[in-house]
């Protein structure tokens, strides 16, 4: 079964890196169900640069 997932990473992300490997795609990495979870890193800059 294919499922489309949309992530809002903004219009000018500084970094987006999906972490996709056999360990992080394990259905039990975060909980004990059979749903596949995934992990990603996301970095953006605040427009004012003050935060």
PDB file of N, CA and C in Angstrom:
ATOM      1  N   UNK A   1       0.845  -1.182   0.000  1.00  0.00           N
ATOM      2  CA  UNK A   1       0.000   0.000   0.000  1.00  0.00           C
ATOM      3  C   UNK A   1       0.888   1.242   0.000  1.00  0.00           C
ATOM      4  N   UNK A   2       0.627   2.136  -0.920  1.00  0.00           N
ATOM      5  CA  UNK A   2       1.367   3.392  -0.972  1.00  0.00           C
ATOM      6  C   UNK A   2       0.526   4.484  -0.326  1.00  0.00           C
ATOM      7  N   UNK A   3       1.197   5.381   0.360  1.00  0.00           N
ATOM      8  CA  UNK A   3       0.511   6.484   1.020  1.00  0.00           C
ATOM      9  C   UNK A   3       1.352   7.744   0.830  1.00  0.00           C
ATOM     10  N   UNK A   4       0.708   8.802   0.423  1.00  0.00           N
ATOM     11  CA  UNK A   4       1.404  10.071   0.241  1.00  0.00           C
ATOM     12  C   UNK A   4       1.379  10.838   1.551  1.00  0.00           C
ATOM     13  N   UNK A   5       2.531  11.341   1.942  1.00  0.00           N
ATOM     14  CA  UNK A   5       2.640  12.135   3.160  1.00  0.00           C
ATOM     15  C   UNK A   5       3.196  13.492   2.773  1.00  0.00           C
ATOM     16  N   UNK A   6       2.524  14.540   3.203  1.00  0.00           N
ATOM     17  CA  UNK A   6       2.979  15.894   2.906  1.00  0.00           C
ATOM     18  C   UNK A   6       3.500  16.525   4.188  1.00  0.00           C
ATOM     19  N   UNK A   7       4.695  17.087   4.109  1.00  0.00           N
ATOM     20  CA  UNK A   7       5.318  17.772   5.231  1.00  0.00           C
ATOM     21  C   UNK A   7       5.520  19.233   4.869  1.00  0.00           C
ATOM     22  N   UNK A   8       5.121  20.129   5.748  1.00  0.00           N
ATOM     23  CA  UNK A   8       5.323  21.554   5.510  1.00  0.00           C
ATOM     24  C   UNK A   8       6.701  21.939   6.020  1.00  0.00           C
ATOM     25  N   UNK A   9       7.651  22.107   5.108  1.00  0.00           N
ATOM     26  CA  UNK A   9       9.002  22.503   5.508  1.00  0.00           C
ATOM     27  C   UNK A   9       9.300  23.947   5.113  1.00  0.00           C
ATOM     28  N   UNK A  10       8.269  24.690   4.773  1.00  0.00           N
ATOM     29  CA  UNK A  10       8.437  26.100   4.448  1.00  0.00           C
ATOM     30  C   UNK A  10       8.928  26.316   3.029  1.00  0.00           C
ATOM     31  N   UNK A  11       9.131  27.581   2.689  1.00  0.00           N
ATOM     32  CA  UNK A  11       9.540  27.920   1.323  1.00  0.00           C
ATOM     33  C   UNK A  11      11.050  28.010   1.162  1.00  0.00           C
ATOM     34  N   UNK A  12      11.779  28.168   2.263  1.00  0.00           N
ATOM     35  CA  UNK A  12      13.237  28.287   2.180  1.00  0.00           C
ATOM     36  C   UNK A  12      13.882  27.494   3.313  1.00  0.00           C
ATOM     37  N   UNK A  13      13.758  26.164   3.284  1.00  0.00           N
ATOM     38  CA  UNK A  13      14.352  25.388   4.379  1.00  0.00           C
ATOM     39  C   UNK A  13      15.879  25.451   4.321  1.00  0.00           C
ATOM     40  N   UNK A  14      16.501  25.493   5.485  1.00  0.00           N
ATOM     41  CA  UNK A  14      17.954  25.474   5.566  1.00  0.00           C
ATOM     42  C   UNK A  14      18.476  24.043   5.435  1.00  0.00           C
ATOM     43  N   UNK A  15      17.654  23.078   5.878  1.00  0.00           N
ATOM     44  CA  UNK A  15      18.053  21.686   5.792  1.00  0.00           C
ATOM     45  C   UNK A  15      16.811  20.809   5.921  1.00  0.00           C
ATOM     46  N   UNK A  16      16.733  19.756   5.154  1.00  0.00           N
ATOM     47  CA  UNK A  16      15.738  18.701   5.314  1.00  0.00           C
ATOM     48  C   UNK A  16      16.419  17.393   4.970  1.00  0.00           C
ATOM     49  N   UNK A  17      16.452  16.468   5.930  1.00  0.00           N
ATOM     50  CA  UNK A  17      17.150  15.215   5.698  1.00  0.00           C
ATOM     51  C   UNK A  17      16.316  14.051   6.248  1.00  0.00           C
ATOM     52  N   UNK A  18      15.704  13.280   5.368  1.00  0.00           N
ATOM     53  CA  UNK A  18      15.015  12.079   5.842  1.00  0.00           C
ATOM     54  C   UNK A  18      16.051  11.039   6.257  1.00  0.00           C
ATOM     55  N   UNK A  19      15.791  10.355   7.342  1.00  0.00           N
ATOM     56  CA  UNK A  19      16.685   9.313   7.823  1.00  0.00           C
ATOM     57  C   UNK A  19      15.997   7.986   7.551  1.00  0.00           C
ATOM     58  N   UNK A  20      16.385   7.365   6.459  1.00  0.00           N
ATOM     59  CA  UNK A  20      15.723   6.160   5.978  1.00  0.00           C
ATOM     60  C   UNK A  20      16.725   5.011   5.910  1.00  0.00           C
ATOM     61  N   UNK A  21      16.601   4.106   6.848  1.00  0.00           N
ATOM     62  CA  UNK A  21      17.404   2.893   6.820  1.00  0.00           C
ATOM     63  C   UNK A  21      16.626   1.785   7.529  1.00  0.00           C
ATOM     64  N   UNK A  22      17.160   0.606   7.570  1.00  0.00           N
ATOM     65  CA  UNK A  22      16.418  -0.531   8.123  1.00  0.00           C
ATOM     66  C   UNK A  22      16.089  -0.352   9.601  1.00  0.00           C
ATOM     67  N   UNK A  23      16.920   0.358  10.349  1.00  0.00           N
ATOM     68  CA  UNK A  23      16.639   0.560  11.771  1.00  0.00           C
ATOM     69  C   UNK A  23      15.574   1.624  12.000  1.00  0.00           C
ATOM     70  N   UNK A  24      15.651   2.738  11.289  1.00  0.00           N
ATOM     71  CA  UNK A  24      14.698   3.820  11.533  1.00  0.00           C
ATOM     72  C   UNK A  24      13.339   3.568  10.896  1.00  0.00           C
ATOM     73  N   UNK A  25      13.247   2.647   9.940  1.00  0.00           N
ATOM     74  CA  UNK A  25      11.957   2.309   9.347  1.00  0.00           C
ATOM     75  C   UNK A  25      11.291   1.122  10.037  1.00  0.00           C
ATOM     76  N   UNK A  26      11.862   0.654  11.115  1.00  0.00           N
ATOM     77  CA  UNK A  26      11.272  -0.449  11.871  1.00  0.00           C
ATOM     78  C   UNK A  26       9.937  -0.008  12.461  1.00  0.00           C
ATOM     79  N   UNK A  27       8.873  -0.805  12.346  1.00  0.00           N
ATOM     80  CA  UNK A  27       7.572  -0.400  12.882  1.00  0.00           C
ATOM     81  C   UNK A  27       7.536  -0.301  14.402  1.00  0.00           C
ATOM     82  N   UNK A  28       8.540  -0.826  15.081  1.00  0.00           N
ATOM     83  CA  UNK A  28       8.526  -0.783  16.548  1.00  0.00           C
ATOM     84  C   UNK A  28       9.579   0.159  17.124  1.00  0.00           C
ATOM     85  N   UNK A  29      10.137   1.039  16.315  1.00  0.00           N
ATOM     86  CA  UNK A  29      11.177   1.933  16.838  1.00  0.00           C
ATOM     87  C   UNK A  29      10.608   2.944  17.846  1.00  0.00           C
ATOM     88  N   UNK A  30       9.385   3.411  17.640  1.00  0.00           N
ATOM     89  CA  UNK A  30       8.784   4.395  18.541  1.00  0.00           C
ATOM     90  C   UNK A  30       7.684   3.809  19.412  1.00  0.00           C
ATOM     91  N   UNK A  31       7.004   2.788  18.941  1.00  0.00           N
ATOM     92  CA  UNK A  31       5.931   2.158  19.712  1.00  0.00           C
ATOM     93  C   UNK A  31       5.757   0.720  19.225  1.00  0.00           C
ATOM     94  N   UNK A  32       4.818   0.012  19.795  1.00  0.00           N
ATOM     95  CA  UNK A  32       4.681  -1.415  19.497  1.00  0.00           C
ATOM     96  C   UNK A  32       3.569  -1.749  18.508  1.00  0.00           C
ATOM     97  N   UNK A  33       3.204  -0.828  17.643  1.00  0.00           N
ATOM     98  CA  UNK A  33       2.195  -1.163  16.634  1.00  0.00           C
ATOM     99  C   UNK A  33       2.897  -1.613  15.347  1.00  0.00           C
ATOM    100  N   UNK A  34       2.146  -1.906  14.337  1.00  0.00           N
ATOM    101  CA  UNK A  34       2.730  -2.362  13.071  1.00  0.00           C
ATOM    102  C   UNK A  34       2.802  -1.261  12.020  1.00  0.00           C
ATOM    103  N   UNK A  35       2.526  -0.027  12.398  1.00  0.00           N
ATOM    104  CA  UNK A  35       2.607   1.094  11.463  1.00  0.00           C
ATOM    105  C   UNK A  35       4.061   1.519  11.286  1.00  0.00           C
ATOM    106  N   UNK A  36       4.430   1.818  10.062  1.00  0.00           N
ATOM    107  CA  UNK A  36       5.805   2.273   9.794  1.00  0.00           C
ATOM    108  C   UNK A  36       5.901   3.756  10.114  1.00  0.00           C
ATOM    109  N   UNK A  37       6.814   4.099  10.985  1.00  0.00           N
ATOM    110  CA  UNK A  37       7.106   5.497  11.278  1.00  0.00           C
ATOM    111  C   UNK A  37       8.411   5.861  10.578  1.00  0.00           C
ATOM    112  N   UNK A  38       8.669   7.141  10.425  1.00  0.00           N
ATOM    113  CA  UNK A  38       9.928   7.557   9.822  1.00  0.00           C
ATOM    114  C   UNK A  38      10.461   8.754  10.587  1.00  0.00           C
ATOM    115  N   UNK A  39      11.737   9.027  10.388  1.00  0.00           N
ATOM    116  CA  UNK A  39      12.421  10.095  11.097  1.00  0.00           C
ATOM    117  C   UNK A  39      13.028  11.056  10.084  1.00  0.00           C
ATOM    118  N   UNK A  40      12.991  12.341  10.425  1.00  0.00           N
ATOM    119  CA  UNK A  40      13.654  13.321   9.559  1.00  0.00           C
ATOM    120  C   UNK A  40      14.173  14.476  10.400  1.00  0.00           C
ATOM    121  N   UNK A  41      15.162  15.163   9.879  1.00  0.00           N
ATOM    122  CA  UNK A  41      15.680  16.392  10.473  1.00  0.00           C
ATOM    123  C   UNK A  41      15.222  17.555   9.611  1.00  0.00           C
ATOM    124  N   UNK A  42      14.843  18.639  10.281  1.00  0.00           N
ATOM    125  CA  UNK A  42      14.334  19.802   9.566  1.00  0.00           C
ATOM    126  C   UNK A  42      14.861  21.046  10.273  1.00  0.00           C
ATOM    127  N   UNK A  43      15.465  21.927   9.533  1.00  0.00           N
ATOM    128  CA  UNK A  43      16.011  23.151  10.101  1.00  0.00           C
ATOM    129  C   UNK A  43      15.572  24.325   9.238  1.00  0.00           C
ATOM    130  N   UNK A  44      15.156  25.384   9.901  1.00  0.00           N
ATOM    131  CA  UNK A  44      14.816  26.601   9.163  1.00  0.00           C
ATOM    132  C   UNK A  44      15.275  27.799   9.962  1.00  0.00           C
ATOM    133  N   UNK A  45      15.379  28.927   9.301  1.00  0.00           N
ATOM    134  CA  UNK A  45      15.830  30.151   9.939  1.00  0.00           C
ATOM    135  C   UNK A  45      14.640  31.084  10.139  1.00  0.00           C
ATOM    136  N   UNK A  46      14.507  31.626  11.340  1.00  0.00           N
ATOM    137  CA  UNK A  46      13.467  32.621  11.587  1.00  0.00           C
ATOM    138  C   UNK A  46      13.759  33.852  10.753  1.00  0.00           C
ATOM    139  N   UNK A  47      12.726  34.487  10.209  1.00  0.00           N
ATOM    140  CA  UNK A  47      12.949  35.663   9.335  1.00  0.00           C
ATOM    141  C   UNK A  47      13.741  36.782   9.997  1.00  0.00           C
ATOM    142  N   UNK A  48      13.565  36.977  11.305  1.00  0.00           N
ATOM    143  CA  UNK A  48      14.273  38.062  11.975  1.00  0.00           C
ATOM    144  C   UNK A  48      15.671  37.660  12.412  1.00  0.00           C
ATOM    145  N   UNK A  49      15.935  36.374  12.491  1.00  0.00           N
ATOM    146  CA  UNK A  49      17.243  35.915  12.927  1.00  0.00           C
ATOM    147  C   UNK A  49      17.459  36.074  14.422  1.00  0.00           C
ATOM    148  N   UNK A  50      16.393  36.358  15.189  1.00  0.00           N
ATOM    149  CA  UNK A  50      16.557  36.614  16.626  1.00  0.00           C
ATOM    150  C   UNK A  50      16.258  35.403  17.499  1.00  0.00           C
ATOM    151  N   UNK A  51      15.735  34.331  16.925  1.00  0.00           N
ATOM    152  CA  UNK A  51      15.394  33.166  17.755  1.00  0.00           C
ATOM    153  C   UNK A  51      16.327  32.025  17.500  1.00  0.00           C
TER     154      UNK A  51
END
